[in-house]
Protein backbone atom coordinates (compact mmCIF):
# COMPACT_ATOMS: atom_id res chain seq x y z
CA MET A 1 7.69 18.77 -13.63
CA THR A 2 8.15 18.23 -9.79
CA ILE A 3 11.10 16.28 -8.04
CA ARG A 4 9.36 14.81 -5.35
CA SER A 5 11.11 13.86 -1.74
CA GLN A 6 9.97 12.23 1.00
CA SER A 7 11.50 14.47 4.07
CA LYS A 8 8.92 17.40 1.16
CA SER A 9 5.76 14.75 1.32
CA PRO A 10 2.89 14.71 3.51
CA TYR A 11 2.87 12.12 5.82
CA TYR A 12 0.39 10.32 7.75
CA LYS A 13 -0.44 7.52 9.95
CA TRP A 14 -2.62 4.39 9.75
CA ALA A 15 -3.27 1.70 11.84
CA ASP A 16 -1.58 3.09 15.05
CA GLU A 17 2.16 2.34 13.97
CA CYS A 18 2.70 2.58 10.62
CA GLU A 19 3.30 5.50 8.20
CA GLY A 20 3.26 6.99 4.76
CA TRP A 21 4.34 9.38 2.97
CA ARG A 22 1.95 10.75 -0.72
CA PHE A 23 4.30 11.97 -3.17
CA VAL A 24 1.52 11.94 -5.41
CA GLU A 25 -2.36 12.80 -4.67
CA GLU A 26 -3.97 14.14 -7.63
CA PRO A 27 -7.93 12.61 -9.26
CA GLY A 28 -6.50 10.12 -11.82
CA LEU A 29 -2.70 9.00 -9.38
CA SER A 30 -1.67 8.30 -6.37
CA VAL A 31 1.65 7.50 -5.21
CA ILE A 32 2.66 6.68 -2.14
CA ARG A 33 5.49 5.24 0.15
CA GLU A 34 4.63 3.55 3.72
CA ARG A 35 6.34 1.39 6.40
CA MET A 36 4.50 -0.96 8.28
CA PRO A 37 6.86 -2.13 11.63
CA PRO A 38 7.26 -5.61 12.31
CA ASN A 39 4.49 -8.15 12.19
CA THR A 40 1.40 -5.61 11.25
CA ALA A 41 -1.97 -5.92 9.28
CA GLU A 42 -4.10 -3.65 7.88
CA VAL A 43 -8.32 -4.07 7.54
CA PRO A 44 -9.10 -6.15 4.40
CA HIS A 45 -10.45 -3.50 2.51
CA CYS A 46 -11.75 -2.80 -1.41
CA HIS A 47 -11.30 0.05 -3.41
CA ASN A 48 -13.83 0.09 -6.11
CA ALA A 49 -12.65 1.84 -8.52
CA ALA A 50 -8.36 2.36 -8.13
CA ARG A 51 -6.04 -0.16 -9.78
CA ARG A 52 -3.17 -0.71 -7.25
CA PHE A 53 0.47 -1.75 -7.92
CA PHE A 54 2.50 -2.69 -4.88
CA PHE A 55 6.42 -2.30 -4.97
CA VAL A 56 8.32 -3.44 -1.88
CA LEU A 57 11.41 -1.43 -1.47
CA GLU A 58 13.09 -3.55 1.78
CA GLY A 59 11.47 -6.59 3.78
CA GLU A 60 8.38 -8.73 2.73
CA LEU A 61 4.90 -8.15 1.86
CA THR A 62 2.36 -10.34 2.58
CA ILE A 63 -0.85 -9.58 0.32
CA THR A 64 -3.78 -11.22 0.18
CA VAL A 65 -6.30 -10.46 -2.63
CA ALA A 66 -9.26 -12.81 -3.08
CA GLY A 67 -8.54 -15.10 0.24
CA LYS A 68 -4.73 -15.85 -2.32
CA ALA A 69 -1.84 -15.04 -0.18
CA SER A 70 1.11 -13.72 -2.26
CA THR A 71 4.45 -13.03 -0.55
CA LEU A 72 6.67 -10.47 -2.28
CA ARG A 73 10.48 -9.29 -1.52
CA LYS A 74 12.89 -6.83 -2.33
CA SER A 75 12.01 -5.45 -6.17
CA GLN A 76 8.91 -7.69 -6.55
CA GLY A 77 5.99 -5.94 -7.38
CA ILE A 78 2.28 -7.20 -7.67
CA GLU A 79 -0.62 -5.39 -9.60
CA VAL A 80 -4.71 -5.63 -7.68
CA ALA A 81 -7.60 -4.71 -9.91
CA PRO A 82 -9.99 -2.41 -9.03
CA GLY A 83 -12.91 -4.49 -6.75
CA SER A 84 -10.54 -6.99 -5.17
CA LEU A 85 -11.09 -7.64 -1.57
CA GLY A 86 -7.25 -7.18 0.25
CA ALA A 87 -5.08 -6.46 2.89
CA SER A 88 -1.42 -6.07 3.15
CA ALA A 89 1.53 -7.24 6.01
CA THR A 90 4.15 -7.97 7.19
CA GLU A 91 4.80 -11.31 9.09
CA THR A 92 8.38 -11.27 9.83
CA SER A 93 10.53 -9.57 12.11
CA ARG A 94 11.78 -6.51 9.88
CA ALA A 95 10.14 -3.57 8.69
CA LEU A 96 8.66 -3.53 5.78
CA ILE A 97 8.58 -0.49 3.40
CA PHE A 98 7.17 -0.58 0.08
CA SER A 99 5.62 1.98 -2.60
CA TRP A 100 2.35 1.91 -4.08
CA SER A 101 0.68 3.80 -6.91
CA ALA A 102 -3.19 3.48 -7.61
CA ALA A 103 -5.09 4.98 -10.84
CA GLY A 104 -8.89 5.74 -10.64
CA ASN A 105 -11.14 6.85 -7.75
CA ARG A 106 -9.97 6.42 -4.47
CA LEU A 107 -12.69 7.70 -2.70
CA SER A 108 -15.08 4.50 -2.06
CA ILE A 109 -13.17 2.23 0.08
CA PHE A 110 -15.13 -0.25 2.45
CA ALA A 111 -13.53 -1.69 5.64
CA PHE A 112 -14.52 -5.24 5.69
CA THR A 113 -14.03 -7.10 9.35
């Protein structure tokens, strides 16, 4: 059993301004904390085999799955089934901090434009 912290977790940047910290990165489970600056969005994509769960820690997350947008606020979460085309965004003047976890294969990721 290992206690994990953001300061000791592997850090990465994505989409120019967004940041992430990998708390757990194992074949059967990923747990990640991410920060998105105000008014940023990711490219719609699909995880073929990973079941994901997003949980908002601060701010608002707009997540679009299969063309349907849902807005989540602090302490709210949403599950995304494997194979679902989706994207996350923050459309407010506040930064978004959220955590997400995935179980299953994360190697098959396809970006759609």
